[in-house]
Amino acid sequence: MTGFRTIYLVLNRIFVMKSTKLTFVIIMTLLFLLPTGCRKDDAVTQLDQADAQLMRDFLSDEYFATASEYYNPPPADPSAQTVTESRTKESMTAILKDYFAKNPKEVKKINQKYGYPVWDVLVHANKYGEAIIHLPFANLKKGKIEGILTVYQNDDNNKLMFRLNDRDSRKKLKNNKALPKVIDKNKREVYADISREFFTAQIAYFEYSLFQTTDCSL
């Protein structure tokens, strides 16, 4: 009887030791996996926060002026008259910002290639019944314009049309003399595209307005 008891005690001890080891292994596995899961969650959270911050900066009127290393606009002319912003410009700007806010992937692609929009120098015009805005894009670490977004709004249907030209596209544009003309729906003769001279002048204007620099190679 004593022998059976001894065998029982030995087997029970072995079972307890194995159970303890198994429990230890499970605990260590959990401890190893849990921090990894937290790190993944933290990475996703940080990525979301970075995307949200990019969107805020992208839509901000003041961000470029505070973050650019080269921002250096000419001194304001105290004798210049205050220009009242048109409702058309305000509404088109609001529509454009709303479009960007709803398309974060597009914002990220544009930001990576062209930098940030400089909203405070956006130019608005109205020609041939179409409202037009020209919005420059610039890199925070470069003193030059990387691209210009032209947005058209037709008075007939209020539909917006977008065109984003990068800096080097001016080389592919035709000059005024070679640019074909077309007859629009109102029987007017208009240029079929943006001319090289016009786009180059846009770049020069925006660069001086933002950095007080002139690129002689344009």
C-alpha atoms as a PDB file:
ATOM      1  CA  MET A   1       0.000   0.000   0.000  1.00  0.00           C
ATOM      2  CA  THR A   2       2.881   2.264   0.872  1.00  0.00           C
ATOM      3  CA  GLY A   3       4.417   1.611  -2.564  1.00  0.00           C
ATOM      4  CA  PHE A   4       1.259   2.673  -4.396  1.00  0.00           C
ATOM      5  CA  ARG A   5       1.088   5.820  -2.318  1.00  0.00           C
ATOM      6  CA  THR A   6       4.685   6.653  -3.167  1.00  0.00           C
ATOM      7  CA  ILE A   7       4.030   6.148  -6.910  1.00  0.00           C
ATOM      8  CA  TYR A   8       0.889   8.323  -6.681  1.00  0.00           C
ATOM      9  CA  LEU A   9       2.791  11.138  -4.983  1.00  0.00           C
ATOM     10  CA  VAL A  10       5.570  11.010  -7.577  1.00  0.00           C
ATOM     11  CA  LEU A  11       3.122  11.046 -10.524  1.00  0.00           C
ATOM     12  CA  ASN A  12       1.113  13.857  -8.943  1.00  0.00           C
ATOM     13  CA  ARG A  13       4.279  15.905  -8.485  1.00  0.00           C
ATOM     14  CA  ILE A  14       5.256  15.363 -12.105  1.00  0.00           C
ATOM     15  CA  PHE A  15       1.760  16.387 -13.261  1.00  0.00           C
ATOM     16  CA  VAL A  16       1.863  19.543 -11.143  1.00  0.00           C
ATOM     17  CA  MET A  17       5.325  20.441 -12.476  1.00  0.00           C
ATOM     18  CA  LYS A  18       4.164  19.947 -16.066  1.00  0.00           C
ATOM     19  CA  SER A  19       1.017  21.981 -15.448  1.00  0.00           C
ATOM     20  CA  THR A  20       3.079  24.723 -13.871  1.00  0.00           C
ATOM     21  CA  LYS A  21       5.468  24.757 -16.837  1.00  0.00           C
ATOM     22  CA  LEU A  22       2.564  24.797 -19.288  1.00  0.00           C
ATOM     23  CA  THR A  23       0.928  27.661 -17.411  1.00  0.00           C
ATOM     24  CA  PHE A  24       4.241  29.527 -17.392  1.00  0.00           C
ATOM     25  CA  VAL A  25       4.626  29.040 -21.154  1.00  0.00           C
ATOM     26  CA  ILE A  26       1.075  30.319 -21.781  1.00  0.00           C
ATOM     27  CA  ILE A  27       1.639  33.370 -19.575  1.00  0.00           C
ATOM     28  CA  MET A  28       4.932  34.216 -21.297  1.00  0.00           C
ATOM     29  CA  THR A  29       3.303  33.804 -24.714  1.00  0.00           C
ATOM     30  CA  LEU A  30       0.522  36.172 -23.756  1.00  0.00           C
ATOM     31  CA  LEU A  31       2.987  38.672 -22.364  1.00  0.00           C
ATOM     32  CA  PHE A  32       4.914  38.517 -25.635  1.00  0.00           C
ATOM     33  CA  LEU A  33       1.860  38.897 -27.859  1.00  0.00           C
ATOM     34  CA  LEU A  34      -0.019  41.581 -25.952  1.00  0.00           C
ATOM     35  CA  PRO A  35       2.633  44.326 -26.246  1.00  0.00           C
ATOM     36  CA  THR A  36       2.951  43.529 -29.965  1.00  0.00           C
ATOM     37  CA  GLY A  37      -0.767  44.036 -30.395  1.00  0.00           C
ATOM     38  CA  CYS A  38      -0.572  47.307 -28.526  1.00  0.00           C
ATOM     39  CA  ARG A  39       2.284  48.479 -30.713  1.00  0.00           C
ATOM     40  CA  LYS A  40       0.241  47.734 -33.823  1.00  0.00           C
ATOM     41  CA  ASP A  41      -2.714  49.622 -32.419  1.00  0.00           C
ATOM     42  CA  ASP A  42      -0.420  52.510 -31.493  1.00  0.00           C
ATOM     43  CA  ALA A  43       1.059  52.550 -35.005  1.00  0.00           C
ATOM     44  CA  VAL A  44      -2.398  52.668 -36.574  1.00  0.00           C
ATOM     45  CA  THR A  45      -3.443  55.429 -34.192  1.00  0.00           C
ATOM     46  CA  GLN A  46      -0.311  57.442 -34.954  1.00  0.00           C
ATOM     47  CA  LEU A  47      -0.909  56.986 -38.693  1.00  0.00           C
ATOM     48  CA  ASP A  48      -4.499  58.185 -38.334  1.00  0.00           C
ATOM     49  CA  GLN A  49      -3.320  61.172 -36.331  1.00  0.00           C
ATOM     50  CA  ALA A  50      -0.679  61.993 -38.955  1.00  0.00           C
ATOM     51  CA  ASP A  51      -3.272  61.833 -41.745  1.00  0.00           C
ATOM     52  CA  ALA A  52      -5.643  64.046 -39.755  1.00  0.00           C
ATOM     53  CA  GLN A  53      -2.856  66.563 -39.126  1.00  0.00           C
ATOM     54  CA  LEU A  54      -1.928  66.565 -42.818  1.00  0.00           C
ATOM     55  CA  MET A  55      -5.533  67.351 -43.709  1.00  0.00           C
ATOM     56  CA  ARG A  56      -5.675  70.223 -41.189  1.00  0.00           C
ATOM     57  CA  ASP A  57      -2.428  71.692 -42.517  1.00  0.00           C
ATOM     58  CA  PHE A  58      -3.490  71.171 -46.141  1.00  0.00           C
ATOM     59  CA  LEU A  59      -6.730  73.108 -45.656  1.00  0.00           C
ATOM     60  CA  SER A  60      -5.275  75.822 -43.431  1.00  0.00           C
ATOM     61  CA  ASP A  61      -4.974  79.364 -44.787  1.00  0.00           C
ATOM     62  CA  GLU A  62      -2.015  80.120 -42.507  1.00  0.00           C
ATOM     63  CA  TYR A  63      -0.034  76.853 -42.379  1.00  0.00           C
ATOM     64  CA  PHE A  64       2.316  77.453 -45.316  1.00  0.00           C
ATOM     65  CA  ALA A  65       3.315  80.904 -44.073  1.00  0.00           C
ATOM     66  CA  THR A  66       4.265  79.520 -40.655  1.00  0.00           C
ATOM     67  CA  ALA A  67       5.915  76.280 -41.794  1.00  0.00           C
ATOM     68  CA  SER A  68       7.780  77.206 -44.988  1.00  0.00           C
ATOM     69  CA  GLU A  69      11.516  77.791 -44.700  1.00  0.00           C
ATOM     70  CA  TYR A  70      11.465  80.223 -47.626  1.00  0.00           C
ATOM     71  CA  TYR A  71       8.234  82.168 -47.138  1.00  0.00           C
ATOM     72  CA  ASN A  72       9.141  85.825 -47.591  1.00  0.00           C
ATOM     73  CA  PRO A  73       6.372  87.891 -49.205  1.00  0.00           C
ATOM     74  CA  PRO A  74       6.955  91.517 -50.209  1.00  0.00           C
ATOM     75  CA  PRO A  75       5.966  94.133 -47.611  1.00  0.00           C
ATOM     76  CA  ALA A  76       2.348  95.144 -47.822  1.00  0.00           C
ATOM     77  CA  ASP A  77       1.706  98.416 -49.607  1.00  0.00           C
ATOM     78  CA  PRO A  78      -0.028 100.710 -47.075  1.00  0.00           C
ATOM     79  CA  SER A  79      -1.475 102.807 -49.895  1.00  0.00           C
ATOM     80  CA  ALA A  80      -3.119  99.811 -51.567  1.00  0.00           C
ATOM     81  CA  GLN A  81      -6.876  99.640 -51.360  1.00  0.00           C
ATOM     82  CA  THR A  82      -8.473  96.786 -49.490  1.00  0.00           C
ATOM     83  CA  VAL A  83      -9.988  94.320 -51.895  1.00  0.00           C
ATOM     84  CA  THR A  84     -13.325  92.842 -50.912  1.00  0.00           C
ATOM     85  CA  GLU A  85     -13.413  89.114 -51.526  1.00  0.00           C
ATOM     86  CA  SER A  86     -16.094  88.132 -54.006  1.00  0.00           C
ATOM     87  CA  ARG A  87     -18.761  85.653 -53.037  1.00  0.00           C
ATOM     88  CA  THR A  88     -17.823  83.549 -56.041  1.00  0.00           C
ATOM     89  CA  LYS A  89     -14.236  83.242 -54.846  1.00  0.00           C
ATOM     90  CA  GLU A  90     -15.331  82.381 -51.318  1.00  0.00           C
ATOM     91  CA  SER A  91     -17.828  79.784 -52.498  1.00  0.00           C
ATOM     92  CA  MET A  92     -15.390  78.168 -54.939  1.00  0.00           C
ATOM     93  CA  THR A  93     -12.687  78.052 -52.284  1.00  0.00           C
ATOM     94  CA  ALA A  94     -15.135  76.469 -49.844  1.00  0.00           C
ATOM     95  CA  ILE A  95     -16.212  73.891 -52.455  1.00  0.00           C
ATOM     96  CA  LEU A  96     -12.586  73.075 -53.255  1.00  0.00           C
ATOM     97  CA  LYS A  97     -11.681  72.636 -49.584  1.00  0.00           C
ATOM     98  CA  ASP A  98     -14.740  70.464 -49.098  1.00  0.00           C
ATOM     99  CA  TYR A  99     -13.636  68.294 -52.017  1.00  0.00           C
ATOM    100  CA  PHE A 100     -10.179  67.864 -50.508  1.00  0.00           C
ATOM    101  CA  ALA A 101     -11.630  67.106 -47.060  1.00  0.00           C
ATOM    102  CA  LYS A 102     -13.654  64.255 -48.573  1.00  0.00           C
ATOM    103  CA  ASN A 103     -10.707  62.832 -50.550  1.00  0.00           C
ATOM    104  CA  PRO A 104      -7.807  62.234 -48.131  1.00  0.00           C
ATOM    105  CA  LYS A 105      -6.037  59.807 -50.490  1.00  0.00           C
ATOM    106  CA  GLU A 106      -5.990  62.463 -53.203  1.00  0.00           C
ATOM    107  CA  VAL A 107      -4.649  64.998 -50.695  1.00  0.00           C
ATOM    108  CA  LYS A 108      -1.815  62.665 -49.708  1.00  0.00           C
ATOM    109  CA  LYS A 109      -0.831  62.076 -53.352  1.00  0.00           C
ATOM    110  CA  ILE A 110      -0.885  65.788 -54.162  1.00  0.00           C
ATOM    111  CA  ASN A 111       1.036  66.648 -51.006  1.00  0.00           C
ATOM    112  CA  GLN A 112       3.774  64.113 -51.751  1.00  0.00           C
ATOM    113  CA  LYS A 113       4.298  65.430 -55.281  1.00  0.00           C
ATOM    114  CA  TYR A 114       3.527  69.155 -55.053  1.00  0.00           C
ATOM    115  CA  GLY A 115       3.632  70.144 -51.375  1.00  0.00           C
ATOM    116  CA  TYR A 116       0.995  72.375 -49.785  1.00  0.00           C
ATOM    117  CA  PRO A 117      -1.554  74.755 -51.309  1.00  0.00           C
ATOM    118  CA  VAL A 118      -0.971  78.409 -50.512  1.00  0.00           C
ATOM    119  CA  TRP A 119      -4.528  79.585 -50.042  1.00  0.00           C
ATOM    120  CA  ASP A 120      -3.776  83.192 -49.137  1.00  0.00           C
ATOM    121  CA  VAL A 121      -2.402  84.001 -52.617  1.00  0.00           C
ATOM    122  CA  LEU A 122      -5.096  82.161 -54.565  1.00  0.00           C
ATOM    123  CA  VAL A 123      -6.123  84.185 -57.634  1.00  0.00           C
ATOM    124  CA  HIS A 124      -9.736  84.464 -58.757  1.00  0.00           C
ATOM    125  CA  ALA A 125     -11.028  85.666 -62.129  1.00  0.00           C
ATOM    126  CA  ASN A 126     -14.217  85.587 -64.139  1.00  0.00           C
ATOM    127  CA  LYS A 127     -13.953  85.171 -67.873  1.00  0.00           C
ATOM    128  CA  TYR A 128     -16.411  84.182 -70.572  1.00  0.00           C
ATOM    129  CA  GLY A 129     -19.068  83.310 -68.005  1.00  0.00           C
ATOM    130  CA  GLU A 130     -16.736  81.020 -66.069  1.00  0.00           C
ATOM    131  CA  ALA A 131     -15.344  81.639 -62.619  1.00  0.00           C
ATOM    132  CA  ILE A 132     -11.697  80.570 -62.412  1.00  0.00           C
ATOM    133  CA  ILE A 133      -9.279  80.213 -59.521  1.00  0.00           C
ATOM    134  CA  HIS A 134      -5.554  79.509 -59.681  1.00  0.00           C
ATOM    135  CA  LEU A 135      -4.091  77.885 -56.571  1.00  0.00           C
ATOM    136  CA  PRO A 136      -0.297  77.459 -56.274  1.00  0.00           C
ATOM    137  CA  PHE A 137       1.402  74.539 -54.532  1.00  0.00           C
ATOM    138  CA  ALA A 138       4.839  74.703 -52.972  1.00  0.00           C
ATOM    139  CA  ASN A 139       7.198  72.516 -50.973  1.00  0.00           C
ATOM    140  CA  LEU A 140       7.970  73.720 -47.448  1.00  0.00           C
ATOM    141  CA  LYS A 141      11.701  73.245 -47.997  1.00  0.00           C
ATOM    142  CA  LYS A 142      11.988  74.834 -51.428  1.00  0.00           C
ATOM    143  CA  GLY A 143      11.507  78.399 -52.579  1.00  0.00           C
ATOM    144  CA  LYS A 144       9.642  77.602 -55.766  1.00  0.00           C
ATOM    145  CA  ILE A 145       6.208  76.723 -57.085  1.00  0.00           C
ATOM    146  CA  GLU A 146       5.797  73.009 -57.795  1.00  0.00           C
ATOM    147  CA  GLY A 147       2.381  73.153 -59.425  1.00  0.00           C
ATOM    148  CA  ILE A 148      -0.720  75.262 -60.044  1.00  0.00           C
ATOM    149  CA  LEU A 149      -4.262  73.995 -59.741  1.00  0.00           C
ATOM    150  CA  THR A 150      -6.751  75.706 -62.036  1.00  0.00           C
ATOM    151  CA  VAL A 151     -10.417  75.275 -61.190  1.00  0.00           C
ATOM    152  CA  TYR A 152     -13.233  76.344 -63.508  1.00  0.00           C
ATOM    153  CA  GLN A 153     -16.860  76.803 -62.569  1.00  0.00           C
ATOM    154  CA  ASN A 154     -19.352  77.177 -65.369  1.00  0.00           C
ATOM    155  CA  ASP A 155     -22.213  79.590 -64.658  1.00  0.00           C
ATOM    156  CA  ASP A 156     -24.695  77.351 -66.452  1.00  0.00           C
ATOM    157  CA  ASN A 157     -24.406  74.303 -64.203  1.00  0.00           C
ATOM    158  CA  ASN A 158     -21.993  75.340 -61.412  1.00  0.00           C
ATOM    159  CA  LYS A 159     -19.955  72.222 -62.148  1.00  0.00           C
ATOM    160  CA  LEU A 160     -16.288  72.418 -61.168  1.00  0.00           C
ATOM    161  CA  MET A 161     -13.529  71.268 -63.487  1.00  0.00           C
ATOM    162  CA  PHE A 162      -9.979  70.723 -62.238  1.00  0.00           C
ATOM    163  CA  ARG A 163      -6.588  70.891 -63.896  1.00  0.00           C
ATOM    164  CA  LEU A 164      -3.307  70.532 -62.008  1.00  0.00           C
ATOM    165  CA  ASN A 165      -0.162  71.433 -63.960  1.00  0.00           C
ATOM    166  CA  ASP A 166       3.257  70.735 -62.523  1.00  0.00           C
ATOM    167  CA  ARG A 167       6.167  73.112 -62.970  1.00  0.00           C
ATOM    168  CA  ASP A 168       7.794  71.176 -65.803  1.00  0.00           C
ATOM    169  CA  SER A 169       4.592  70.880 -67.825  1.00  0.00           C
ATOM    170  CA  ARG A 170       5.225  74.401 -69.142  1.00  0.00           C
ATOM    171  CA  LYS A 171       7.835  72.861 -71.463  1.00  0.00           C
ATOM    172  CA  LYS A 172       5.101  70.807 -73.122  1.00  0.00           C
ATOM    173  CA  LEU A 173       2.626  73.663 -73.518  1.00  0.00           C
ATOM    174  CA  LYS A 174       2.403  75.504 -76.813  1.00  0.00           C
ATOM    175  CA  ASN A 175       3.203  79.195 -77.100  1.00  0.00           C
ATOM    176  CA  ASN A 176       0.567  81.774 -77.948  1.00  0.00           C
ATOM    177  CA  LYS A 177       1.262  81.774 -81.665  1.00  0.00           C
ATOM    178  CA  ALA A 178       1.065  78.007 -81.998  1.00  0.00           C
ATOM    179  CA  LEU A 179      -1.890  77.565 -79.678  1.00  0.00           C
ATOM    180  CA  PRO A 180      -5.044  76.711 -81.592  1.00  0.00           C
ATOM    181  CA  LYS A 181      -8.264  78.604 -81.005  1.00  0.00           C
ATOM    182  CA  VAL A 182     -11.790  77.271 -80.870  1.00  0.00           C
ATOM    183  CA  ILE A 183     -15.254  78.775 -81.059  1.00  0.00           C
ATOM    184  CA  ASP A 184     -17.125  78.403 -77.771  1.00  0.00           C
ATOM    185  CA  LYS A 185     -20.882  77.968 -77.356  1.00  0.00           C
ATOM    186  CA  ASN A 186     -21.310  81.766 -77.297  1.00  0.00           C
ATOM    187  CA  LYS A 187     -19.605  82.113 -80.700  1.00  0.00           C
ATOM    188  CA  ARG A 188     -16.423  83.558 -79.167  1.00  0.00           C
ATOM    189  CA  GLU A 189     -12.941  82.689 -80.353  1.00  0.00           C
ATOM    190  CA  VAL A 190     -10.959  81.460 -77.378  1.00  0.00           C
ATOM    191  CA  TYR A 191      -7.693  79.617 -76.844  1.00  0.00           C
ATOM    192  CA  ALA A 192      -8.080  75.851 -76.675  1.00  0.00           C
ATOM    193  CA  ASP A 193      -5.539  75.497 -73.881  1.00  0.00           C
ATOM    194  CA  ILE A 194      -3.247  77.352 -71.466  1.00  0.00           C
ATOM    195  CA  SER A 195      -0.295  78.874 -73.283  1.00  0.00           C
ATOM    196  CA  ARG A 196       3.313  78.410 -72.208  1.00  0.00           C
ATOM    197  CA  GLU A 197       3.696  82.160 -71.691  1.00  0.00           C
ATOM    198  CA  PHE A 198       0.642  82.359 -69.447  1.00  0.00           C
ATOM    199  CA  PHE A 199       1.645  79.417 -67.266  1.00  0.00           C
ATOM    200  CA  THR A 200       5.223  80.694 -66.967  1.00  0.00           C
ATOM    201  CA  ALA A 201       3.925  84.129 -65.949  1.00  0.00           C
ATOM    202  CA  GLN A 202       1.753  82.451 -63.294  1.00  0.00           C
ATOM    203  CA  ILE A 203       4.757  80.671 -61.794  1.00  0.00           C
ATOM    204  CA  ALA A 204       6.821  83.870 -61.801  1.00  0.00           C
ATOM    205  CA  TYR A 205       4.000  85.862 -60.178  1.00  0.00           C
ATOM    206  CA  PHE A 206       3.368  83.354 -57.395  1.00  0.00           C
ATOM    207  CA  GLU A 207       7.071  82.873 -56.650  1.00  0.00           C
ATOM    208  CA  TYR A 208       7.645  86.577 -56.244  1.00  0.00           C
ATOM    209  CA  SER A 209       4.458  86.919 -54.174  1.00  0.00           C
ATOM    210  CA  LEU A 210       5.619  84.177 -51.803  1.00  0.00           C
ATOM    211  CA  PHE A 211       9.419  84.246 -51.823  1.00  0.00           C
ATOM    212  CA  GLN A 212      10.482  87.481 -53.557  1.00  0.00           C
ATOM    213  CA  THR A 213      12.521  85.392 -55.963  1.00  0.00           C
ATOM    214  CA  THR A 214      12.648  85.195 -59.740  1.00  0.00           C
ATOM    215  CA  ASP A 215      13.723  82.060 -61.580  1.00  0.00           C
ATOM    216  CA  CYS A 216      15.613  83.284 -64.637  1.00  0.00           C
ATOM    217  CA  SER A 217      15.545  79.796 -66.164  1.00  0.00           C
ATOM    218  CA  LEU A 218      11.779  79.941 -66.711  1.00  0.00           C
END
